[in-house]
Amino acid sequence: MPSQFYLGSFGPLLGTLISLKRSGEEGILVWCRTAFSLSFSLKWPLIAAGLPLAYGAAAVLAHTLITGSLPDMQQFGLTSDLPPRFGIGMTSLVWMLTFGIGEESGWRGYLLPKLHRHYSLFTSALLVALIWMAWHLPAFWFNENYLGMGFGVLGWAISLVYGSVVLAWICAGSRWSIIPVIVWHGIFDLLTASDQAADVMAMVCSMLVILHGILLMRILRRRGR
């Protein structure tokens, strides 16, 4: 059921709250003050929103060139998993409130800074990517987008690894606040999980994330991060 798919997004958030409660290292309120802090430079939410929008613009161009027609802009970003009355604004909000907050609370809000105490930012991002990938595995038994991947699962896995590098860079730059990465995640899901994106657009967006991740990987390695 679609509702179960969206409810499942809160697993990493639930895991974070349980871990914080059990460890006793820091209270949930202390964690919230960092994870949802607004004390970051304005450039980071602009980067977080601008990057996936740039991916989307390139994806629309590629779709137009390959298919010979623009995507249906009235259906742009929409998914049959949500009610038809939801427009692009409400759909974006749903992605941010579910997979944005639900996932990023665990991956970048809790796990990444924990790992970064012992490893470089680049290595921490790779370790997060492995866990993030494993968390998605049940979707391959029920979600149509995942079931239809075939050998495309290799591209999905690679894009997830480099996406983890991109998001780690944004999160660290935002002083470990996950607000900018929630924005990035929500817009990216809007573009790639929509019904229209199943073929060309999702692939183009993933390729651009990989290219950006490769560039950042080299920069982080050079800086010893």
Protein backbone atom coordinates (compact mmCIF):
# COMPACT_ATOMS: atom_id res chain seq x y z
CA MET A 1 0.00 0.00 0.00
CA PRO A 2 1.32 3.49 -0.82
CA SER A 3 0.70 4.65 2.75
CA GLN A 4 2.97 1.89 4.07
CA PHE A 5 5.69 3.00 1.67
CA TYR A 6 5.62 6.55 3.05
CA LEU A 7 5.28 5.46 6.68
CA GLY A 8 8.33 3.25 6.22
CA SER A 9 10.40 6.37 5.57
CA PHE A 10 10.35 7.14 9.31
CA GLY A 11 12.40 4.04 10.17
CA PRO A 12 15.76 5.89 10.34
CA LEU A 13 14.20 8.66 12.48
CA LEU A 14 12.75 6.05 14.85
CA GLY A 15 16.12 4.29 14.99
CA THR A 16 17.83 7.58 15.84
CA LEU A 17 15.41 8.36 18.69
CA ILE A 18 15.80 4.85 20.13
CA SER A 19 19.60 5.07 19.88
CA LEU A 20 19.66 8.47 21.58
CA LYS A 21 17.42 7.19 24.35
CA ARG A 22 19.45 4.03 24.94
CA SER A 23 22.95 5.48 24.66
CA GLY A 24 22.46 8.32 27.14
CA GLU A 25 25.28 10.23 25.43
CA GLU A 26 23.08 13.15 24.52
CA GLY A 27 19.45 13.99 24.98
CA ILE A 28 16.97 14.09 22.14
CA LEU A 29 16.53 17.84 22.60
CA VAL A 30 20.29 18.39 22.37
CA TRP A 31 20.37 16.36 19.16
CA CYS A 32 17.43 18.33 17.75
CA ARG A 33 19.20 21.64 18.40
CA THR A 34 22.02 20.53 16.09
CA ALA A 35 20.11 18.48 13.54
CA PHE A 36 17.45 21.14 13.00
CA SER A 37 19.60 24.20 13.65
CA LEU A 38 19.27 27.30 11.48
CA SER A 39 22.80 28.49 12.21
CA PHE A 40 24.20 27.85 8.74
CA SER A 41 25.13 30.10 5.87
CA LEU A 42 22.32 30.97 3.45
CA LYS A 43 24.39 29.51 0.61
CA TRP A 44 23.75 25.95 1.79
CA PRO A 45 19.95 25.85 1.40
CA LEU A 46 20.44 27.64 -1.92
CA ILE A 47 22.92 24.96 -3.00
CA ALA A 48 20.65 22.21 -1.63
CA ALA A 49 17.68 23.48 -3.65
CA GLY A 50 19.65 24.63 -6.69
CA LEU A 51 21.49 21.38 -7.38
CA PRO A 52 18.46 19.08 -7.81
CA LEU A 53 16.64 21.82 -9.73
CA ALA A 54 19.62 21.99 -12.10
CA TYR A 55 19.53 18.18 -12.42
CA GLY A 56 15.82 18.45 -13.20
CA ALA A 57 16.32 21.10 -15.86
CA ALA A 58 18.95 18.93 -17.56
CA ALA A 59 16.62 15.93 -17.28
CA VAL A 60 13.75 17.82 -18.96
CA LEU A 61 16.10 18.87 -21.77
CA ALA A 62 17.31 15.28 -22.22
CA HIS A 63 13.73 13.99 -22.21
CA THR A 64 12.77 16.54 -24.89
CA LEU A 65 15.76 15.69 -27.10
CA ILE A 66 15.31 11.93 -26.80
CA THR A 67 11.52 11.68 -27.06
CA GLY A 68 10.95 14.72 -29.27
CA SER A 69 8.46 16.33 -26.88
CA LEU A 70 8.41 18.09 -23.54
CA PRO A 71 7.16 16.14 -20.54
CA ASP A 72 3.56 16.89 -19.56
CA MET A 73 4.16 19.84 -17.23
CA GLN A 74 0.70 19.46 -15.66
CA GLN A 75 1.81 16.04 -14.40
CA PHE A 76 5.44 17.04 -13.77
CA GLY A 77 6.73 15.61 -10.49
CA LEU A 78 3.44 13.92 -9.59
CA THR A 79 3.05 10.28 -8.63
CA SER A 80 0.08 7.93 -8.62
CA ASP A 81 1.10 6.90 -5.08
CA LEU A 82 -0.42 10.17 -3.84
CA PRO A 83 -3.96 11.53 -4.31
CA PRO A 84 -4.57 13.20 -7.73
CA ARG A 85 -5.54 16.46 -6.04
CA PHE A 86 -1.98 16.88 -4.77
CA GLY A 87 -0.16 19.40 -6.94
CA ILE A 88 3.58 19.77 -7.24
CA GLY A 89 3.81 21.95 -4.11
CA MET A 90 1.97 19.48 -1.87
CA THR A 91 3.85 16.55 -3.39
CA SER A 92 7.18 18.26 -2.67
CA LEU A 93 6.09 18.83 0.92
CA VAL A 94 5.14 15.17 1.32
CA TRP A 95 8.57 14.05 0.10
CA MET A 96 10.33 16.44 2.49
CA LEU A 97 8.19 15.50 5.49
CA THR A 98 8.50 11.76 4.88
CA PHE A 99 11.68 10.62 3.15
CA GLY A 100 13.37 13.97 3.78
CA ILE A 101 12.95 14.15 7.55
CA GLY A 102 12.41 10.43 8.05
CA GLU A 103 15.60 9.31 6.31
CA GLU A 104 17.92 12.24 6.85
CA SER A 105 17.34 12.25 10.62
CA GLY A 106 19.06 8.89 10.66
CA TRP A 107 21.60 9.05 7.84
CA ARG A 108 22.98 12.59 7.98
CA GLY A 109 21.44 13.70 11.27
CA TYR A 110 22.79 10.92 13.45
CA LEU A 111 24.92 8.31 11.68
CA LEU A 112 27.19 10.59 9.63
CA PRO A 113 28.40 12.84 12.50
CA LYS A 114 28.86 9.76 14.70
CA LEU A 115 31.09 8.11 12.10
CA HIS A 116 32.92 11.37 11.39
CA ARG A 117 34.27 11.32 14.93
CA HIS A 118 36.44 8.37 13.85
CA TYR A 119 36.74 8.62 10.06
CA SER A 120 37.17 11.22 7.34
CA LEU A 121 34.04 12.79 5.89
CA PHE A 122 34.54 10.85 2.65
CA THR A 123 34.91 7.47 4.42
CA SER A 124 31.97 8.26 6.68
CA ALA A 125 29.84 9.04 3.63
CA LEU A 126 30.73 5.68 2.07
CA LEU A 127 29.84 3.80 5.26
CA VAL A 128 26.52 5.62 5.46
CA ALA A 129 25.89 4.71 1.81
CA LEU A 130 26.30 0.98 2.54
CA ILE A 131 23.76 1.11 5.38
CA TRP A 132 21.47 3.37 3.35
CA MET A 133 21.60 0.86 0.50
CA ALA A 134 20.79 -2.08 2.78
CA TRP A 135 17.83 -0.17 4.22
CA HIS A 136 16.31 0.06 0.73
CA LEU A 137 16.46 -3.71 0.09
CA PRO A 138 12.86 -4.53 1.20
CA ALA A 139 11.59 -2.12 -1.49
CA PHE A 140 12.80 -4.59 -4.13
CA TRP A 141 10.03 -6.96 -3.03
CA PHE A 142 7.07 -4.56 -3.28
CA ASN A 143 7.82 -1.21 -4.94
CA GLU A 144 7.20 -1.11 -8.70
CA ASN A 145 10.04 1.35 -9.38
CA TYR A 146 12.53 -0.98 -7.70
CA LEU A 147 11.05 -4.18 -9.10
CA GLY A 148 11.49 -2.87 -12.64
CA MET A 149 15.14 -1.84 -12.29
CA GLY A 150 16.74 -5.01 -13.61
CA PHE A 151 20.43 -4.37 -14.28
CA GLY A 152 19.71 -0.70 -13.60
CA VAL A 153 20.18 -1.59 -9.94
CA LEU A 154 23.93 -1.15 -10.50
CA GLY A 155 23.42 2.45 -11.57
CA TRP A 156 21.08 2.96 -8.61
CA ALA A 157 23.69 1.65 -6.18
CA ILE A 158 26.44 3.81 -7.67
CA SER A 159 24.26 6.92 -7.60
CA LEU A 160 23.38 6.20 -3.96
CA VAL A 161 27.08 6.06 -3.04
CA TYR A 162 27.90 9.35 -4.74
CA GLY A 163 24.65 10.88 -3.51
CA SER A 164 25.84 10.08 -0.01
CA VAL A 165 29.05 12.02 -0.71
CA VAL A 166 27.10 15.02 -2.01
CA LEU A 167 24.77 15.04 1.00
CA ALA A 168 27.66 14.61 3.46
CA TRP A 169 29.33 17.66 1.92
CA ILE A 170 26.12 19.72 2.26
CA CYS A 171 25.49 18.52 5.82
CA ALA A 172 29.03 19.23 7.03
CA GLY A 173 28.95 22.64 5.36
CA SER A 174 25.65 23.35 7.13
CA ARG A 175 27.26 22.70 10.53
CA TRP A 176 25.54 19.30 10.75
CA SER A 177 22.06 20.72 10.33
CA ILE A 178 19.92 18.43 8.17
CA ILE A 179 17.52 21.14 7.01
CA PRO A 180 19.41 21.76 3.72
CA VAL A 181 19.74 18.01 3.01
CA ILE A 182 16.01 17.56 3.67
CA VAL A 183 15.39 20.15 0.96
CA TRP A 184 17.79 18.39 -1.44
CA HIS A 185 16.30 14.97 -0.73
CA GLY A 186 12.71 16.16 -1.13
CA ILE A 187 13.30 17.90 -4.46
CA PHE A 188 15.39 15.01 -5.80
CA ASP A 189 12.68 12.48 -4.91
CA LEU A 190 10.08 14.75 -6.50
CA LEU A 191 12.03 14.63 -9.77
CA THR A 192 13.11 11.00 -9.82
CA ALA A 193 10.19 9.16 -8.20
CA SER A 194 7.47 10.78 -10.31
CA ASP A 195 5.55 8.70 -12.84
CA GLN A 196 7.05 10.64 -15.76
CA ALA A 197 10.63 10.16 -14.57
CA ALA A 198 10.65 6.38 -14.83
CA ASP A 199 12.69 6.32 -18.03
CA VAL A 200 14.88 9.23 -19.09
CA MET A 201 14.64 11.84 -16.35
CA ALA A 202 15.49 9.64 -13.37
CA MET A 203 18.51 8.26 -15.22
CA VAL A 204 19.81 11.73 -16.15
CA CYS A 205 19.40 13.01 -12.57
CA SER A 206 21.27 9.97 -11.21
CA MET A 207 24.09 10.43 -13.73
CA LEU A 208 24.52 14.06 -12.70
CA VAL A 209 24.64 13.09 -9.02
CA ILE A 210 27.36 10.57 -9.84
CA LEU A 211 29.41 13.18 -11.72
CA HIS A 212 29.01 15.69 -8.89
CA GLY A 213 29.92 13.03 -6.32
CA ILE A 214 33.08 12.07 -8.23
CA LEU A 215 34.17 15.73 -8.29
CA LEU A 216 33.48 16.15 -4.57
CA MET A 217 35.22 12.87 -3.77
CA ARG A 218 38.43 14.16 -5.35
CA ILE A 219 38.13 17.48 -3.52
CA LEU A 220 37.54 15.83 -0.15
CA ARG A 221 40.44 13.44 -0.63
CA ARG A 222 42.72 16.30 -1.59
CA ARG A 223 41.75 18.17 1.58
CA GLY A 224 42.19 15.04 3.70
CA ARG A 225 38.54 15.00 4.69
